[in-house]
PDB file of all heavy atoms in Angstrom:
ATOM      1  N   SER A   1      59.912  27.483  14.387  1.00  0.00           N
ATOM      2  CA  SER A   1      61.353  27.627  14.076  1.00  0.00           C
ATOM      3  C   SER A   1      62.147  26.836  15.103  1.00  0.00           C
ATOM      4  O   SER A   1      61.973  26.977  16.289  1.00  0.00           O
ATOM      5  CB  SER A   1      61.764  29.114  14.123  1.00  0.00           C
ATOM      6  OG  SER A   1      63.194  29.219  14.262  1.00  0.00           O
ATOM      7  N   ARG A   2      63.116  26.037  14.613  1.00  0.00           N
ATOM      8  CA  ARG A   2      63.975  25.320  15.507  1.00  0.00           C
ATOM      9  C   ARG A   2      64.984  26.229  16.185  1.00  0.00           C
ATOM     10  O   ARG A   2      65.385  26.013  17.345  1.00  0.00           O
ATOM     11  CB  ARG A   2      64.739  24.203  14.766  1.00  0.00           C
ATOM     12  CG  ARG A   2      63.853  23.027  14.352  1.00  0.00           C
ATOM     13  CD  ARG A   2      64.637  21.906  13.747  1.00  0.00           C
ATOM     14  NE  ARG A   2      63.814  20.697  13.809  1.00  0.00           N
ATOM     15  CZ  ARG A   2      63.707  19.880  14.827  1.00  0.00           C
ATOM     16  NH1 ARG A   2      64.324  20.178  15.926  1.00  0.00           N
ATOM     17  NH2 ARG A   2      62.943  18.791  14.782  1.00  0.00           N
ATOM     18  N   ASN A   3      65.366  27.281  15.524  1.00  0.00           N
ATOM     19  CA  ASN A   3      66.287  28.244  16.152  1.00  0.00           C
ATOM     20  C   ASN A   3      65.647  29.026  17.280  1.00  0.00           C
ATOM     21  O   ASN A   3      66.223  29.250  18.314  1.00  0.00           O
ATOM     22  CB  ASN A   3      66.870  29.187  15.100  1.00  0.00           C
ATOM     23  CG  ASN A   3      67.776  28.532  14.118  1.00  0.00           C
ATOM     24  OD1 ASN A   3      67.363  28.130  13.063  1.00  0.00           O
ATOM     25  ND2 ASN A   3      69.029  28.375  14.476  1.00  0.00           N
ATOM     26  N   PHE A   4      64.386  29.496  17.057  1.00  0.00           N
ATOM     27  CA  PHE A   4      63.679  30.283  18.061  1.00  0.00           C
ATOM     28  C   PHE A   4      62.801  29.492  18.966  1.00  0.00           C
ATOM     29  O   PHE A   4      62.320  29.960  19.981  1.00  0.00           O
ATOM     30  CB  PHE A   4      62.833  31.334  17.342  1.00  0.00           C
ATOM     31  CG  PHE A   4      63.595  32.330  16.544  1.00  0.00           C
ATOM     32  CD1 PHE A   4      63.485  32.351  15.140  1.00  0.00           C
ATOM     33  CD2 PHE A   4      64.388  33.284  17.117  1.00  0.00           C
ATOM     34  CE1 PHE A   4      64.153  33.250  14.364  1.00  0.00           C
ATOM     35  CE2 PHE A   4      65.079  34.224  16.333  1.00  0.00           C
ATOM     36  CZ  PHE A   4      64.972  34.204  14.972  1.00  0.00           C
ATOM     37  N   ASP A   5      62.520  28.208  18.562  1.00  0.00           N
ATOM     38  CA  ASP A   5      61.576  27.334  19.243  1.00  0.00           C
ATOM     39  C   ASP A   5      60.232  28.052  19.430  1.00  0.00           C
ATOM     40  O   ASP A   5      59.598  27.966  20.462  1.00  0.00           O
ATOM     41  CB  ASP A   5      62.100  26.899  20.624  1.00  0.00           C
ATOM     42  CG  ASP A   5      61.301  25.738  21.189  1.00  0.00           C
ATOM     43  OD1 ASP A   5      60.696  24.962  20.437  1.00  0.00           O
ATOM     44  OD2 ASP A   5      61.226  25.619  22.475  1.00  0.00           O
ATOM     45  N   SER A   6      59.811  28.715  18.375  1.00  0.00           N
ATOM     46  CA  SER A   6      58.563  29.508  18.455  1.00  0.00           C
ATOM     47  C   SER A   6      58.106  29.833  17.025  1.00  0.00           C
ATOM     48  O   SER A   6      58.872  29.756  16.076  1.00  0.00           O
ATOM     49  CB  SER A   6      58.832  30.802  19.215  1.00  0.00           C
ATOM     50  OG  SER A   6      57.621  31.580  19.293  1.00  0.00           O
ATOM     51  N   ASN A   7      56.854  30.236  16.922  1.00  0.00           N
ATOM     52  CA  ASN A   7      56.337  30.774  15.649  1.00  0.00           C
ATOM     53  C   ASN A   7      56.190  32.285  15.720  1.00  0.00           C
ATOM     54  O   ASN A   7      55.611  32.913  14.805  1.00  0.00           O
ATOM     55  CB  ASN A   7      54.982  30.114  15.320  1.00  0.00           C
ATOM     56  CG  ASN A   7      53.987  30.230  16.455  1.00  0.00           C
ATOM     57  OD1 ASN A   7      54.292  30.646  17.563  1.00  0.00           O
ATOM     58  ND2 ASN A   7      52.752  29.829  16.150  1.00  0.00           N
ATOM     59  N   LEU A   8      56.700  32.878  16.800  1.00  0.00           N
ATOM     60  CA  LEU A   8      56.682  34.351  16.948  1.00  0.00           C
ATOM     61  C   LEU A   8      58.053  34.817  17.323  1.00  0.00           C
ATOM     62  O   LEU A   8      58.720  34.256  18.197  1.00  0.00           O
ATOM     63  CB  LEU A   8      55.687  34.742  18.063  1.00  0.00           C
ATOM     64  CG  LEU A   8      55.699  36.187  18.497  1.00  0.00           C
ATOM     65  CD1 LEU A   8      55.132  37.047  17.365  1.00  0.00           C
ATOM     66  CD2 LEU A   8      54.892  36.396  19.799  1.00  0.00           C
ATOM     67  N   VAL A   9      58.553  35.843  16.641  1.00  0.00           N
ATOM     68  CA  VAL A   9      59.835  36.446  16.955  1.00  0.00           C
ATOM     69  C   VAL A   9      59.576  37.909  17.287  1.00  0.00           C
ATOM     70  O   VAL A   9      58.939  38.630  16.509  1.00  0.00           O
ATOM     71  CB  VAL A   9      60.805  36.324  15.771  1.00  0.00           C
ATOM     72  CG1 VAL A   9      62.155  36.997  16.132  1.00  0.00           C
ATOM     73  CG2 VAL A   9      61.037  34.883  15.380  1.00  0.00           C
ATOM     74  N   LEU A  10      60.086  38.360  18.429  1.00  0.00           N
ATOM     75  CA  LEU A  10      59.933  39.735  18.831  1.00  0.00           C
ATOM     76  C   LEU A  10      61.320  40.384  18.916  1.00  0.00           C
ATOM     77  O   LEU A  10      62.119  39.958  19.750  1.00  0.00           O
ATOM     78  CB  LEU A  10      59.223  39.858  20.160  1.00  0.00           C
ATOM     79  CG  LEU A  10      57.768  39.326  20.161  1.00  0.00           C
ATOM     80  CD1 LEU A  10      57.190  39.255  21.608  1.00  0.00           C
ATOM     81  CD2 LEU A  10      56.874  40.227  19.301  1.00  0.00           C
ATOM     82  N   GLY A  11      61.603  41.361  18.083  1.00  0.00           N
ATOM     83  CA  GLY A  11      62.930  41.988  18.064  1.00  0.00           C
ATOM     84  C   GLY A  11      62.818  43.464  17.808  1.00  0.00           C
ATOM     85  O   GLY A  11      61.780  43.996  17.472  1.00  0.00           O
ATOM     86  N   ASP A  12      63.948  44.107  17.967  1.00  0.00           N
ATOM     87  CA  ASP A  12      64.033  45.566  17.774  1.00  0.00           C
ATOM     88  C   ASP A  12      64.014  45.916  16.278  1.00  0.00           C
ATOM     89  O   ASP A  12      64.324  45.053  15.414  1.00  0.00           O
ATOM     90  CB  ASP A  12      65.301  46.143  18.409  1.00  0.00           C
ATOM     91  CG  ASP A  12      65.296  45.950  19.939  1.00  0.00           C
ATOM     92  OD1 ASP A  12      64.203  45.944  20.510  1.00  0.00           O
ATOM     93  OD2 ASP A  12      66.397  45.792  20.519  1.00  0.00           O
ATOM     94  N   GLY A  13      63.692  47.177  15.977  1.00  0.00           N
ATOM     95  CA  GLY A  13      63.787  47.649  14.619  1.00  0.00           C
ATOM     96  C   GLY A  13      62.503  47.537  13.887  1.00  0.00           C
ATOM     97  O   GLY A  13      61.519  46.953  14.359  1.00  0.00           O
ATOM     98  N   LYS A  14      62.439  48.066  12.662  1.00  0.00           N
ATOM     99  CA  LYS A  14      61.234  48.087  11.835  1.00  0.00           C
ATOM    100  C   LYS A  14      60.993  46.872  11.022  1.00  0.00           C
ATOM    101  O   LYS A  14      59.877  46.649  10.558  1.00  0.00           O
ATOM    102  CB  LYS A  14      61.312  49.328  10.884  1.00  0.00           C
ATOM    103  CG  LYS A  14      61.260  50.670  11.548  1.00  0.00           C
ATOM    104  CD  LYS A  14      61.172  51.766  10.509  1.00  0.00           C
ATOM    105  CE  LYS A  14      59.892  51.682   9.664  1.00  0.00           C
ATOM    106  NZ  LYS A  14      59.758  52.860   8.744  1.00  0.00           N
ATOM    107  N   ARG A  15      62.021  46.016  10.828  1.00  0.00           N
ATOM    108  CA  ARG A  15      61.808  44.858   9.944  1.00  0.00           C
ATOM    109  C   ARG A  15      60.788  43.881  10.589  1.00  0.00           C
ATOM    110  O   ARG A  15      60.932  43.478  11.727  1.00  0.00           O
ATOM    111  CB  ARG A  15      63.136  44.137   9.729  1.00  0.00           C
ATOM    112  CG  ARG A  15      64.101  44.964   8.900  1.00  0.00           C
ATOM    113  CD  ARG A  15      65.366  44.152   8.675  1.00  0.00           C
ATOM    114  NE  ARG A  15      66.395  44.886   7.939  1.00  0.00           N
ATOM    115  CZ  ARG A  15      67.135  44.418   6.986  1.00  0.00           C
ATOM    116  NH1 ARG A  15      66.982  43.146   6.603  1.00  0.00           N
ATOM    117  NH2 ARG A  15      68.014  45.150   6.403  1.00  0.00           N
ATOM    118  N   MET A  16      59.838  43.457   9.768  1.00  0.00           N
ATOM    119  CA  MET A  16      58.914  42.404  10.189  1.00  0.00           C
ATOM    120  C   MET A  16      58.708  41.418   9.040  1.00  0.00           C
ATOM    121  O   MET A  16      58.261  41.797   7.972  1.00  0.00           O
ATOM    122  CB  MET A  16      57.536  42.989  10.595  1.00  0.00           C
ATOM    123  CG  MET A  16      56.535  41.939  11.032  1.00  0.00           C
ATOM    124  SD  MET A  16      54.973  42.593  11.602  1.00  0.00           S
ATOM    125  CE  MET A  16      55.447  43.045  13.271  1.00  0.00           C
ATOM    126  N   ALA A  17      59.120  40.186   9.303  1.00  0.00           N
ATOM    127  CA  ALA A  17      58.943  39.108   8.347  1.00  0.00           C
ATOM    128  C   ALA A  17      57.586  38.419   8.601  1.00  0.00           C
ATOM    129  O   ALA A  17      57.252  38.126   9.758  1.00  0.00           O
ATOM    130  CB  ALA A  17      60.022  38.088   8.464  1.00  0.00           C
ATOM    131  N   VAL A  18      56.813  38.262   7.480  1.00  0.00           N
ATOM    132  CA  VAL A  18      55.442  37.719   7.649  1.00  0.00           C
ATOM    133  C   VAL A  18      55.225  36.651   6.615  1.00  0.00           C
ATOM    134  O   VAL A  18      55.534  36.829   5.417  1.00  0.00           O
ATOM    135  CB  VAL A  18      54.394  38.841   7.472  1.00  0.00           C
ATOM    136  CG1 VAL A  18      52.977  38.257   7.550  1.00  0.00           C
ATOM    137  CG2 VAL A  18      54.584  39.974   8.522  1.00  0.00           C
ATOM    138  N   GLU A  19      54.666  35.536   7.045  1.00  0.00           N
ATOM    139  CA  GLU A  19      54.185  34.511   6.045  1.00  0.00           C
ATOM    140  C   GLU A  19      52.849  34.968   5.545  1.00  0.00           C
ATOM    141  O   GLU A  19      51.902  35.107   6.278  1.00  0.00           O
ATOM    142  CB  GLU A  19      54.099  33.137   6.720  1.00  0.00           C
ATOM    143  CG  GLU A  19      53.659  32.042   5.756  1.00  0.00           C
ATOM    144  CD  GLU A  19      53.869  30.652   6.275  1.00  0.00           C
ATOM    145  OE1 GLU A  19      54.801  30.458   7.058  1.00  0.00           O
ATOM    146  OE2 GLU A  19      53.052  29.764   5.955  1.00  0.00           O
ATOM    147  N   ALA A  20      52.789  35.172   4.237  1.00  0.00           N
ATOM    148  CA  ALA A  20      51.561  35.710   3.600  1.00  0.00           C
ATOM    149  C   ALA A  20      50.758  34.534   3.019  1.00  0.00           C
ATOM    150  O   ALA A  20      51.109  33.980   1.989  1.00  0.00           O
ATOM    151  CB  ALA A  20      51.974  36.682   2.507  1.00  0.00           C
ATOM    152  N   ASP A  21      49.703  34.159   3.718  1.00  0.00           N
ATOM    153  CA  ASP A  21      48.954  32.967   3.407  1.00  0.00           C
ATOM    154  C   ASP A  21      47.881  33.283   2.333  1.00  0.00           C
ATOM    155  O   ASP A  21      47.087  34.217   2.486  1.00  0.00           O
ATOM    156  CB  ASP A  21      48.278  32.456   4.646  1.00  0.00           C
ATOM    157  CG  ASP A  21      47.591  31.122   4.459  1.00  0.00           C
ATOM    158  OD1 ASP A  21      47.685  30.527   3.354  1.00  0.00           O
ATOM    159  OD2 ASP A  21      46.929  30.629   5.402  1.00  0.00           O
ATOM    160  N   GLU A  22      47.876  32.505   1.250  1.00  0.00           N
ATOM    161  CA  GLU A  22      46.940  32.713   0.194  1.00  0.00           C
ATOM    162  C   GLU A  22      45.545  32.165   0.447  1.00  0.00           C
ATOM    163  O   GLU A  22      44.560  32.489  -0.207  1.00  0.00           O
ATOM    164  CB  GLU A  22      47.441  32.155  -1.151  1.00  0.00           C
ATOM    165  CG  GLU A  22      47.385  30.660  -1.294  1.00  0.00           C
ATOM    166  CD  GLU A  22      48.516  29.921  -0.567  1.00  0.00           C
ATOM    167  OE1 GLU A  22      49.362  30.588   0.066  1.00  0.00           O
ATOM    168  OE2 GLU A  22      48.577  28.668  -0.680  1.00  0.00           O
ATOM    169  N   PHE A  23      45.458  31.242   1.463  1.00  0.00           N
ATOM    170  CA  PHE A  23      44.178  30.647   1.784  1.00  0.00           C
ATOM    171  C   PHE A  23      43.136  31.745   2.079  1.00  0.00           C
ATOM    172  O   PHE A  23      43.412  32.690   2.821  1.00  0.00           O
ATOM    173  CB  PHE A  23      44.259  29.708   3.012  1.00  0.00           C
ATOM    174  CG  PHE A  23      42.939  29.186   3.470  1.00  0.00           C
ATOM    175  CD1 PHE A  23      42.203  28.275   2.697  1.00  0.00           C
ATOM    176  CD2 PHE A  23      42.389  29.622   4.640  1.00  0.00           C
ATOM    177  CE1 PHE A  23      41.002  27.846   3.152  1.00  0.00           C
ATOM    178  CE2 PHE A  23      41.170  29.158   5.095  1.00  0.00           C
ATOM    179  CZ  PHE A  23      40.444  28.258   4.330  1.00  0.00           C
ATOM    180  N   ASP A  24      41.976  31.629   1.501  1.00  0.00           N
ATOM    181  CA  ASP A  24      40.870  32.613   1.747  1.00  0.00           C
ATOM    182  C   ASP A  24      41.284  33.996   1.367  1.00  0.00           C
ATOM    183  O   ASP A  24      40.779  34.994   1.901  1.00  0.00           O
ATOM    184  CB  ASP A  24      40.434  32.544   3.204  1.00  0.00           C
ATOM    185  CG  ASP A  24      39.031  33.160   3.374  1.00  0.00           C
ATOM    186  OD1 ASP A  24      38.170  32.992   2.544  1.00  0.00           O
ATOM    187  OD2 ASP A  24      38.830  33.823   4.457  1.00  0.00           O
ATOM    188  N   ARG A  25      42.322  34.135   0.513  1.00  0.00           N
ATOM    189  CA  ARG A  25      42.846  35.440   0.071  1.00  0.00           C
ATOM    190  C   ARG A  25      43.359  36.284   1.208  1.00  0.00           C
ATOM    191  O   ARG A  25      43.387  37.534   1.136  1.00  0.00           O
ATOM    192  CB  ARG A  25      41.785  36.197  -0.737  1.00  0.00           C
ATOM    193  CG  ARG A  25      41.378  35.506  -2.063  1.00  0.00           C
ATOM    194  CD  ARG A  25      40.289  36.234  -2.767  1.00  0.00           C
ATOM    195  NE  ARG A  25      40.056  35.718  -4.125  1.00  0.00           N
ATOM    196  CZ  ARG A  25      39.312  34.657  -4.398  1.00  0.00           C
ATOM    197  NH1 ARG A  25      38.680  34.027  -3.424  1.00  0.00           N
ATOM    198  NH2 ARG A  25      39.155  34.247  -5.637  1.00  0.00           N
ATOM    199  N   SER A  26      43.792  35.647   2.262  1.00  0.00           N
ATOM    200  CA  SER A  26      44.228  36.374   3.458  1.00  0.00           C
ATOM    201  C   SER A  26      45.367  37.320   3.193  1.00  0.00           C
ATOM    202  O   SER A  26      45.481  38.386   3.794  1.00  0.00           O
ATOM    203  CB  SER A  26      44.639  35.337   4.571  1.00  0.00           C
ATOM    204  OG  SER A  26      43.555  34.610   5.027  1.00  0.00           O
ATOM    205  N   PHE A  27      46.263  36.921   2.290  1.00  0.00           N
ATOM    206  CA  PHE A  27      47.457  37.746   2.024  1.00  0.00           C
ATOM    207  C   PHE A  27      47.171  39.105   1.399  1.00  0.00           C
ATOM    208  O   PHE A  27      47.994  40.022   1.377  1.00  0.00           O
ATOM    209  CB  PHE A  27      48.537  37.034   1.244  1.00  0.00           C
ATOM    210  CG  PHE A  27      48.137  36.601  -0.162  1.00  0.00           C
ATOM    211  CD1 PHE A  27      49.147  36.173  -1.021  1.00  0.00           C
ATOM    212  CD2 PHE A  27      46.867  36.613  -0.622  1.00  0.00           C
ATOM    213  CE1 PHE A  27      48.852  35.769  -2.346  1.00  0.00           C
ATOM    214  CE2 PHE A  27      46.553  36.219  -1.927  1.00  0.00           C
ATOM    215  CZ  PHE A  27      47.557  35.782  -2.751  1.00  0.00           C
ATOM    216  N   LEU A  28      45.905  39.287   0.964  1.00  0.00           N
ATOM    217  CA  LEU A  28      45.538  40.557   0.362  1.00  0.00           C
ATOM    218  C   LEU A  28      45.247  41.618   1.427  1.00  0.00           C
ATOM    219  O   LEU A  28      44.962  42.774   1.139  1.00  0.00           O
ATOM    220  CB  LEU A  28      44.335  40.383  -0.576  1.00  0.00           C
ATOM    221  CG  LEU A  28      44.591  39.450  -1.764  1.00  0.00           C
ATOM    222  CD1 LEU A  28      43.387  39.391  -2.670  1.00  0.00           C
ATOM    223  CD2 LEU A  28      45.829  39.833  -2.545  1.00  0.00           C
ATOM    224  N   ARG A  29      45.419  41.278   2.695  1.00  0.00           N
ATOM    225  CA  ARG A  29      45.309  42.223   3.786  1.00  0.00           C
ATOM    226  C   ARG A  29      46.664  42.893   4.011  1.00  0.00           C
ATOM    227  O   ARG A  29      46.741  43.847   4.830  1.00  0.00           O
ATOM    228  CB  ARG A  29      44.888  41.525   5.076  1.00  0.00           C
ATOM    229  CG  ARG A  29      43.511  40.837   5.001  1.00  0.00           C
ATOM    230  CD  ARG A  29      42.404  41.824   5.071  1.00  0.00           C
ATOM    231  NE  ARG A  29      41.096  41.191   5.058  1.00  0.00           N
ATOM    232  CZ  ARG A  29      39.961  41.795   5.168  1.00  0.00           C
ATOM    233  NH1 ARG A  29      39.932  43.122   5.284  1.00  0.00           N
ATOM    234  NH2 ARG A  29      38.794  41.190   5.157  1.00  0.00           N
ATOM    235  N   LEU A  30      47.698  42.416   3.367  1.00  0.00           N
ATOM    236  CA  LEU A  30      49.034  42.953   3.589  1.00  0.00           C
ATOM    237  C   LEU A  30      49.440  43.940   2.509  1.00  0.00           C
ATOM    238  O   LEU A  30      49.027  43.774   1.339  1.00  0.00           O
ATOM    239  CB  LEU A  30      50.045  41.805   3.648  1.00  0.00           C
ATOM    240  CG  LEU A  30      49.879  40.799   4.749  1.00  0.00           C
ATOM    241  CD1 LEU A  30      50.823  39.602   4.531  1.00  0.00           C
ATOM    242  CD2 LEU A  30      50.128  41.380   6.140  1.00  0.00           C
ATOM    243  N   GLU A  31      50.281  44.905   2.900  1.00  0.00           N
ATOM    244  CA  GLU A  31      50.852  45.833   1.893  1.00  0.00           C
ATOM    245  C   GLU A  31      52.345  45.878   2.180  1.00  0.00           C
ATOM    246  O   GLU A  31      52.873  46.745   2.890  1.00  0.00           O
ATOM    247  CB  GLU A  31      50.253  47.241   2.132  1.00  0.00           C
ATOM    248  CG  GLU A  31      48.755  47.251   1.808  1.00  0.00           C
ATOM    249  CD  GLU A  31      48.119  48.633   1.938  1.00  0.00           C
ATOM    250  OE1 GLU A  31      48.861  49.545   2.378  1.00  0.00           O
ATOM    251  OE2 GLU A  31      46.950  48.810   1.690  1.00  0.00           O
ATOM    252  N   PRO A  32      53.084  44.911   1.608  1.00  0.00           N
ATOM    253  CA  PRO A  32      54.504  44.749   1.950  1.00  0.00           C
ATOM    254  C   PRO A  32      55.375  45.754   1.278  1.00  0.00           C
ATOM    255  O   PRO A  32      55.004  46.442   0.302  1.00  0.00           O
ATOM    256  CB  PRO A  32      54.809  43.317   1.449  1.00  0.00           C
ATOM    257  CG  PRO A  32      53.783  43.060   0.412  1.00  0.00           C
ATOM    258  CD  PRO A  32      52.570  43.842   0.756  1.00  0.00           C
ATOM    259  N   ASP A  33      56.601  45.888   1.849  1.00  0.00           N
ATOM    260  CA  ASP A  33      57.640  46.702   1.255  1.00  0.00           C
ATOM    261  C   ASP A  33      58.498  45.872   0.287  1.00  0.00           C
ATOM    262  O   ASP A  33      58.930  46.380  -0.758  1.00  0.00           O
ATOM    263  CB  ASP A  33      58.513  47.321   2.309  1.00  0.00           C
ATOM    264  CG  ASP A  33      57.724  48.299   3.196  1.00  0.00           C
ATOM    265  OD1 ASP A  33      57.509  49.418   2.756  1.00  0.00           O
ATOM    266  OD2 ASP A  33      57.285  47.897   4.281  1.00  0.00           O
ATOM    267  N   VAL A  34      58.707  44.653   0.673  1.00  0.00           N
ATOM    268  CA  VAL A  34      59.391  43.684  -0.233  1.00  0.00           C
ATOM    269  C   VAL A  34      58.702  42.357  -0.086  1.00  0.00           C
ATOM    270  O   VAL A  34      58.299  41.999   1.066  1.00  0.00           O
ATOM    271  CB  VAL A  34      60.930  43.588   0.091  1.00  0.00           C
ATOM    272  CG1 VAL A  34      61.176  43.176   1.532  1.00  0.00           C
ATOM    273  CG2 VAL A  34      61.598  42.622  -0.881  1.00  0.00           C
ATOM    274  N   ALA A  35      58.524  41.665  -1.124  1.00  0.00           N
ATOM    275  CA  ALA A  35      57.802  40.352  -1.074  1.00  0.00           C
ATOM    276  C   ALA A  35      58.448  39.322  -1.934  1.00  0.00           C
ATOM    277  O   ALA A  35      59.105  39.684  -2.967  1.00  0.00           O
ATOM    278  CB  ALA A  35      56.329  40.556  -1.496  1.00  0.00           C
ATOM    279  N   VAL A  36      58.283  38.075  -1.595  1.00  0.00           N
ATOM    280  CA  VAL A  36      58.674  36.944  -2.380  1.00  0.00           C
ATOM    281  C   VAL A  36      57.407  36.196  -2.797  1.00  0.00           C
ATOM    282  O   VAL A  36      56.488  36.054  -2.005  1.00  0.00           O
ATOM    283  CB  VAL A  36      59.624  36.002  -1.572  1.00  0.00           C
ATOM    284  CG1 VAL A  36      59.578  34.587  -2.175  1.00  0.00           C
ATOM    285  CG2 VAL A  36      61.030  36.497  -1.587  1.00  0.00           C
ATOM    286  N   ILE A  37      57.430  35.715  -4.007  1.00  0.00           N
ATOM    287  CA  ILE A  37      56.427  34.727  -4.451  1.00  0.00           C
ATOM    288  C   ILE A  37      57.176  33.475  -4.873  1.00  0.00           C
ATOM    289  O   ILE A  37      57.920  33.511  -5.868  1.00  0.00           O
ATOM    290  CB  ILE A  37      55.540  35.258  -5.597  1.00  0.00           C
ATOM    291  CG1 ILE A  37      54.682  36.438  -5.155  1.00  0.00           C
ATOM    292  CG2 ILE A  37      54.604  34.172  -6.112  1.00  0.00           C
ATOM    293  CD1 ILE A  37      53.843  37.105  -6.226  1.00  0.00           C
ATOM    294  N   THR A  38      57.025  32.436  -4.096  1.00  0.00           N
ATOM    295  CA  THR A  38      57.775  31.204  -4.348  1.00  0.00           C
ATOM    296  C   THR A  38      57.108  30.299  -5.397  1.00  0.00           C
ATOM    297  O   THR A  38      57.774  29.499  -6.022  1.00  0.00           O
ATOM    298  CB  THR A  38      57.926  30.370  -3.056  1.00  0.00           C
ATOM    299  OG1 THR A  38      56.601  29.919  -2.627  1.00  0.00           O
ATOM    300  CG2 THR A  38      58.536  31.211  -1.920  1.00  0.00           C
ATOM    301  N   SER A  39      55.774  30.421  -5.513  1.00  0.00           N
ATOM    302  CA  SER A  39      55.028  29.526  -6.402  1.00  0.00           C
ATOM    303  C   SER A  39      53.573  30.058  -6.455  1.00  0.00           C
ATOM    304  O   SER A  39      53.146  30.822  -5.616  1.00  0.00           O
ATOM    305  CB  SER A  39      55.009  28.100  -5.866  1.00  0.00           C
ATOM    306  OG  SER A  39      54.661  28.106  -4.486  1.00  0.00           O
ATOM    307  N   ALA A  40      52.917  29.632  -7.516  1.00  0.00           N
ATOM    308  CA  ALA A  40      51.500  29.997  -7.654  1.00  0.00           C
ATOM    309  C   ALA A  40      50.733  28.835  -8.362  1.00  0.00           C
ATOM    310  O   ALA A  40      50.093  29.013  -9.381  1.00  0.00           O
ATOM    311  CB  ALA A  40      51.352  31.294  -8.459  1.00  0.00           C
ATOM    312  N   ASP A  41      50.869  27.693  -7.720  1.00  0.00           N
ATOM    313  CA  ASP A  41      50.251  26.487  -8.282  1.00  0.00           C
ATOM    314  C   ASP A  41      48.758  26.388  -7.983  1.00  0.00           C
ATOM    315  O   ASP A  41      48.256  27.142  -7.137  1.00  0.00           O
ATOM    316  CB  ASP A  41      50.987  25.239  -7.771  1.00  0.00           C
ATOM    317  CG  ASP A  41      52.446  25.202  -8.112  1.00  0.00           C
ATOM    318  OD1 ASP A  41      52.728  25.524  -9.305  1.00  0.00           O
ATOM    319  OD2 ASP A  41      53.273  24.762  -7.323  1.00  0.00           O
ATOM    320  N   ALA A  42      48.096  25.476  -8.654  1.00  0.00           N
ATOM    321  CA  ALA A  42      46.692  25.253  -8.371  1.00  0.00           C
ATOM    322  C   ALA A  42      46.535  24.629  -6.977  1.00  0.00           C
ATOM    323  O   ALA A  42      46.968  23.518  -6.728  1.00  0.00           O
ATOM    324  CB  ALA A  42      46.112  24.311  -9.410  1.00  0.00           C
ATOM    325  N   ASP A  43      45.931  25.392  -6.062  1.00  0.00           N
ATOM    326  CA  ASP A  43      45.657  24.859  -4.734  1.00  0.00           C
ATOM    327  C   ASP A  43      44.517  25.690  -4.134  1.00  0.00           C
ATOM    328  O   ASP A  43      44.166  26.738  -4.671  1.00  0.00           O
ATOM    329  CB  ASP A  43      46.910  25.011  -3.846  1.00  0.00           C
ATOM    330  CG  ASP A  43      46.849  24.129  -2.589  1.00  0.00           C
ATOM    331  OD1 ASP A  43      45.907  23.304  -2.506  1.00  0.00           O
ATOM    332  OD2 ASP A  43      47.720  24.226  -1.747  1.00  0.00           O
ATOM    333  N   HIS A  44      43.906  25.171  -3.079  1.00  0.00           N
ATOM    334  CA  HIS A  44      42.759  25.837  -2.453  1.00  0.00           C
ATOM    335  C   HIS A  44      41.619  26.088  -3.503  1.00  0.00           C
ATOM    336  O   HIS A  44      41.017  27.190  -3.463  1.00  0.00           O
ATOM    337  CB  HIS A  44      43.166  27.130  -1.738  1.00  0.00           C
ATOM    338  CG  HIS A  44      44.239  26.983  -0.698  1.00  0.00           C
ATOM    339  ND1 HIS A  44      44.000  26.143   0.403  1.00  0.00           N
ATOM    340  CD2 HIS A  44      45.472  27.481  -0.550  1.00  0.00           C
ATOM    341  CE1 HIS A  44      45.072  26.191   1.175  1.00  0.00           C
ATOM    342  NE2 HIS A  44      45.983  26.926   0.596  1.00  0.00           N
ATOM    343  N   LEU A  45      41.451  25.107  -4.369  1.00  0.00           N
ATOM    344  CA  LEU A  45      40.445  25.348  -5.394  1.00  0.00           C
ATOM    345  C   LEU A  45      39.015  25.337  -4.845  1.00  0.00           C
ATOM    346  O   LEU A  45      38.104  25.748  -5.520  1.00  0.00           O
ATOM    347  CB  LEU A  45      40.608  24.272  -6.526  1.00  0.00           C
ATOM    348  CG  LEU A  45      41.955  24.287  -7.259  1.00  0.00           C
ATOM    349  CD1 LEU A  45      41.947  23.265  -8.354  1.00  0.00           C
ATOM    350  CD2 LEU A  45      42.274  25.681  -7.787  1.00  0.00           C
ATOM    351  N   ASP A  46      38.876  24.842  -3.576  1.00  0.00           N
ATOM    352  CA  ASP A  46      37.581  24.981  -2.925  1.00  0.00           C
ATOM    353  C   ASP A  46      37.284  26.452  -2.649  1.00  0.00           C
ATOM    354  O   ASP A  46      36.133  26.813  -2.500  1.00  0.00           O
ATOM    355  CB  ASP A  46      37.597  24.166  -1.605  1.00  0.00           C
ATOM    356  CG  ASP A  46      38.731  24.588  -0.653  1.00  0.00           C
ATOM    357  OD1 ASP A  46      39.816  24.803  -1.145  1.00  0.00           O
ATOM    358  OD2 ASP A  46      38.441  24.596   0.534  1.00  0.00           O
TER     359      ASP A  46
END
């Protein structure tokens, strides 16, 4: 992030924003309260 100059933000409160990576089905380890799906194109077909 250019605003934080970091890929980690540590702040107060319960809110936690997480990038949910579909590679290797990694995002299936998460159980979000609110989620966005921006796209579901053909990728990582390997």
